[in-house]
C-alpha atoms as a PDB file:
ATOM      1  CA  MET A   1     -13.042 -19.418 -13.020  1.00  0.00           C
ATOM      2  CA  LEU A   2     -13.808 -16.025 -14.513  1.00  0.00           C
ATOM      3  CA  VAL A   3     -15.551 -14.730 -11.400  1.00  0.00           C
ATOM      4  CA  GLU A   4     -12.506 -14.776  -9.137  1.00  0.00           C
ATOM      5  CA  PRO A   5     -10.225 -12.554 -11.275  1.00  0.00           C
ATOM      6  CA  VAL A   6     -13.049 -10.043 -11.620  1.00  0.00           C
ATOM      7  CA  ALA A   7     -13.494 -10.140  -7.844  1.00  0.00           C
ATOM      8  CA  PHE A   8      -9.742  -9.615  -7.385  1.00  0.00           C
ATOM      9  CA  VAL A   9      -9.794  -6.574  -9.688  1.00  0.00           C
ATOM     10  CA  LEU A  10     -12.775  -5.125  -7.791  1.00  0.00           C
ATOM     11  CA  ILE A  11     -11.003  -5.718  -4.481  1.00  0.00           C
ATOM     12  CA  GLY A  12      -7.914  -3.947  -5.820  1.00  0.00           C
ATOM     13  CA  LEU A  13      -9.956  -0.991  -7.018  1.00  0.00           C
ATOM     14  CA  LEU A  14     -11.719  -0.766  -3.659  1.00  0.00           C
ATOM     15  CA  VAL A  15      -8.451  -0.922  -1.712  1.00  0.00           C
ATOM     16  CA  GLY A  16      -6.827   1.714  -3.936  1.00  0.00           C
ATOM     17  CA  ALA A  17      -9.857   4.012  -3.857  1.00  0.00           C
ATOM     18  CA  PHE A  18     -10.128   3.647  -0.084  1.00  0.00           C
ATOM     19  CA  ALA A  19      -6.440   4.523   0.351  1.00  0.00           C
ATOM     20  CA  LEU A  20      -6.784   7.588  -1.875  1.00  0.00           C
ATOM     21  CA  ALA A  21      -9.982   8.709  -0.157  1.00  0.00           C
ATOM     22  CA  TRP A  22      -8.714   8.126   3.385  1.00  0.00           C
ATOM     23  CA  HIS A  23      -5.261   9.750   3.015  1.00  0.00           C
ATOM     24  CA  PRO A  24      -4.907  11.537  -0.329  1.00  0.00           C
ATOM     25  CA  GLU A  25      -1.876  13.509   0.904  1.00  0.00           C
ATOM     26  CA  TYR A  26       0.086  10.256   1.353  1.00  0.00           C
ATOM     27  CA  PHE A  27      -0.013   9.482  -2.390  1.00  0.00           C
ATOM     28  CA  PRO A  28       1.118  12.668  -4.164  1.00  0.00           C
ATOM     29  CA  PRO A  29       2.962  11.373  -7.258  1.00  0.00           C
ATOM     30  CA  SER A  30       0.255   9.582  -9.175  1.00  0.00           C
ATOM     31  CA  ARG A  31      -3.244   8.390  -8.410  1.00  0.00           C
ATOM     32  CA  ALA A  32      -3.042   5.926 -11.317  1.00  0.00           C
ATOM     33  CA  LEU A  33       0.082   4.354  -9.791  1.00  0.00           C
ATOM     34  CA  THR A  34      -1.769   3.756  -6.531  1.00  0.00           C
ATOM     35  CA  LEU A  35      -4.803   2.226  -8.227  1.00  0.00           C
ATOM     36  CA  GLY A  36      -2.685   0.161 -10.591  1.00  0.00           C
ATOM     37  CA  THR A  37      -0.551  -1.184  -7.770  1.00  0.00           C
ATOM     38  CA  ALA A  38      -3.657  -2.097  -5.792  1.00  0.00           C
ATOM     39  CA  VAL A  39      -5.225  -3.971  -8.722  1.00  0.00           C
ATOM     40  CA  VAL A  40      -2.064  -5.865  -9.703  1.00  0.00           C
ATOM     41  CA  ALA A  41      -1.308  -6.757  -6.080  1.00  0.00           C
ATOM     42  CA  ALA A  42      -4.851  -8.040  -5.555  1.00  0.00           C
ATOM     43  CA  LEU A  43      -4.656 -10.140  -8.723  1.00  0.00           C
ATOM     44  CA  VAL A  44      -1.264 -11.639  -7.938  1.00  0.00           C
ATOM     45  CA  SER A  45      -1.942 -12.351  -4.273  1.00  0.00           C
ATOM     46  CA  GLY A  46      -5.389 -13.730  -5.088  1.00  0.00           C
ATOM     47  CA  VAL A  47      -4.076 -16.109  -7.751  1.00  0.00           C
ATOM     48  CA  ILE A  48      -1.265 -17.298  -5.480  1.00  0.00           C
ATOM     49  CA  ALA A  49      -3.715 -17.850  -2.604  1.00  0.00           C
ATOM     50  CA  HIS A  50      -6.146 -19.662  -4.919  1.00  0.00           C
ATOM     51  CA  TYR A  51      -3.514 -22.148  -6.050  1.00  0.00           C
ATOM     52  CA  ALA A  52      -1.966 -22.505  -2.593  1.00  0.00           C
ATOM     53  CA  LEU A  53      -5.317 -23.385  -1.048  1.00  0.00           C
ATOM     54  CA  GLY A  54      -6.336 -25.643  -3.911  1.00  0.00           C
ATOM     55  CA  GLY A  55      -9.310 -23.549  -4.991  1.00  0.00           C
ATOM     56  CA  ALA A  56     -11.148 -24.036  -1.696  1.00  0.00           C
ATOM     57  CA  LEU A  57     -12.055 -21.448   0.921  1.00  0.00           C
ATOM     58  CA  SER A  58     -13.083 -18.625  -1.419  1.00  0.00           C
ATOM     59  CA  ALA A  59     -13.674 -16.169   1.432  1.00  0.00           C
ATOM     60  CA  LEU A  60     -10.139 -16.731   2.697  1.00  0.00           C
ATOM     61  CA  VAL A  61      -8.724 -16.253  -0.814  1.00  0.00           C
ATOM     62  CA  LEU A  62     -10.583 -12.943  -1.127  1.00  0.00           C
ATOM     63  CA  ALA A  63      -9.319 -11.835   2.292  1.00  0.00           C
ATOM     64  CA  ILE A  64      -5.736 -12.709   1.345  1.00  0.00           C
ATOM     65  CA  SER A  65      -6.175 -10.780  -1.901  1.00  0.00           C
ATOM     66  CA  ALA A  66      -7.350  -7.685  -0.028  1.00  0.00           C
ATOM     67  CA  THR A  67      -4.540  -7.975   2.518  1.00  0.00           C
ATOM     68  CA  GLY A  68      -1.857  -8.339  -0.147  1.00  0.00           C
ATOM     69  CA  SER A  69      -3.231  -5.359  -2.010  1.00  0.00           C
ATOM     70  CA  ALA A  70      -3.345  -3.203   1.113  1.00  0.00           C
ATOM     71  CA  LEU A  71       0.211  -4.155   2.067  1.00  0.00           C
ATOM     72  CA  LEU A  72       1.659  -3.206  -1.300  1.00  0.00           C
ATOM     73  CA  VAL A  73      -0.315   0.042  -1.487  1.00  0.00           C
ATOM     74  CA  SER A  74       1.020   0.972   1.951  1.00  0.00           C
ATOM     75  CA  VAL A  75       4.552   0.742   0.531  1.00  0.00           C
ATOM     76  CA  LEU A  76       3.698   3.660  -1.774  1.00  0.00           C
ATOM     77  CA  ALA A  77       2.497   5.902   1.065  1.00  0.00           C
ATOM     78  CA  ARG A  78       4.674   8.905   1.912  1.00  0.00           C
ATOM     79  CA  PRO A  79       3.369  10.435   5.130  1.00  0.00           C
ATOM     80  CA  GLU A  80       5.779  13.386   5.304  1.00  0.00           C
ATOM     81  CA  PRO A  81       6.011  16.190   2.751  1.00  0.00           C
ATOM     82  CA  ALA A  82       9.080  16.123   0.515  1.00  0.00           C
ATOM     83  CA  GLY A  83      10.633  19.228   2.096  1.00  0.00           C
ATOM     84  CA  ARG A  84      10.940  17.626   5.492  1.00  0.00           C
ATOM     85  CA  ARG A  85      12.811  14.490   4.419  1.00  0.00           C
ATOM     86  CA  ALA A  86      16.179  16.208   4.102  1.00  0.00           C
ATOM     87  CA  GLY A  87      17.446  14.999   7.481  1.00  0.00           C
ATOM     88  CA  ALA A  88      15.778  17.642   9.628  1.00  0.00           C
ATOM     89  CA  HIS A  89      13.536  16.655  12.482  1.00  0.00           C
ATOM     90  CA  ARG A  90       9.887  17.739  12.502  1.00  0.00           C
ATOM     91  CA  ASP A  91      10.544  20.575  14.935  1.00  0.00           C
ATOM     92  CA  GLY A  92      13.233  21.988  12.633  1.00  0.00           C
ATOM     93  CA  ALA A  93      16.221  20.934  14.700  1.00  0.00           C
ATOM     94  CA  GLY A  94      18.957  18.947  13.025  1.00  0.00           C
ATOM     95  CA  ARG A  95      19.505  15.297  13.744  1.00  0.00           C
ATOM     96  CA  HIS A  96      22.348  15.928  16.188  1.00  0.00           C
ATOM     97  CA  ALA A  97      21.220  19.244  17.644  1.00  0.00           C
ATOM     98  CA  GLY A  98      22.090  19.646  21.288  1.00  0.00           C
ATOM     99  CA  ARG A  99      24.724  16.925  21.385  1.00  0.00           C
ATOM    100  CA  ARG A 100      28.236  17.678  22.477  1.00  0.00           C
ATOM    101  CA  ARG A 101      31.295  16.089  21.005  1.00  0.00           C
ATOM    102  CA  PRO A 102      33.708  14.586  23.462  1.00  0.00           C
ATOM    103  CA  ALA A 103      36.846  16.655  23.906  1.00  0.00           C
END
């Protein structure tokens, strides 16, 4: 019983570290927030999967834990820099540039 929560924490740390190593620019606010979210998500999704499957299929429970952790960490990702989110398109044109209003 003690092995699975430790495995869930390790999965969460691996998912969070992988996300920070793969795309560090996507997680600017706090590295601790990313790692903490990954660990908590892995624990919660792993415990839910463990009880839903009745304690059987350990490999599937671990896979569900990793998937749940990755999904919640992806919610934190911000792929565009903060300066570009003010409604302007990537090429600098406004949202409605080039459109004509009907007369």
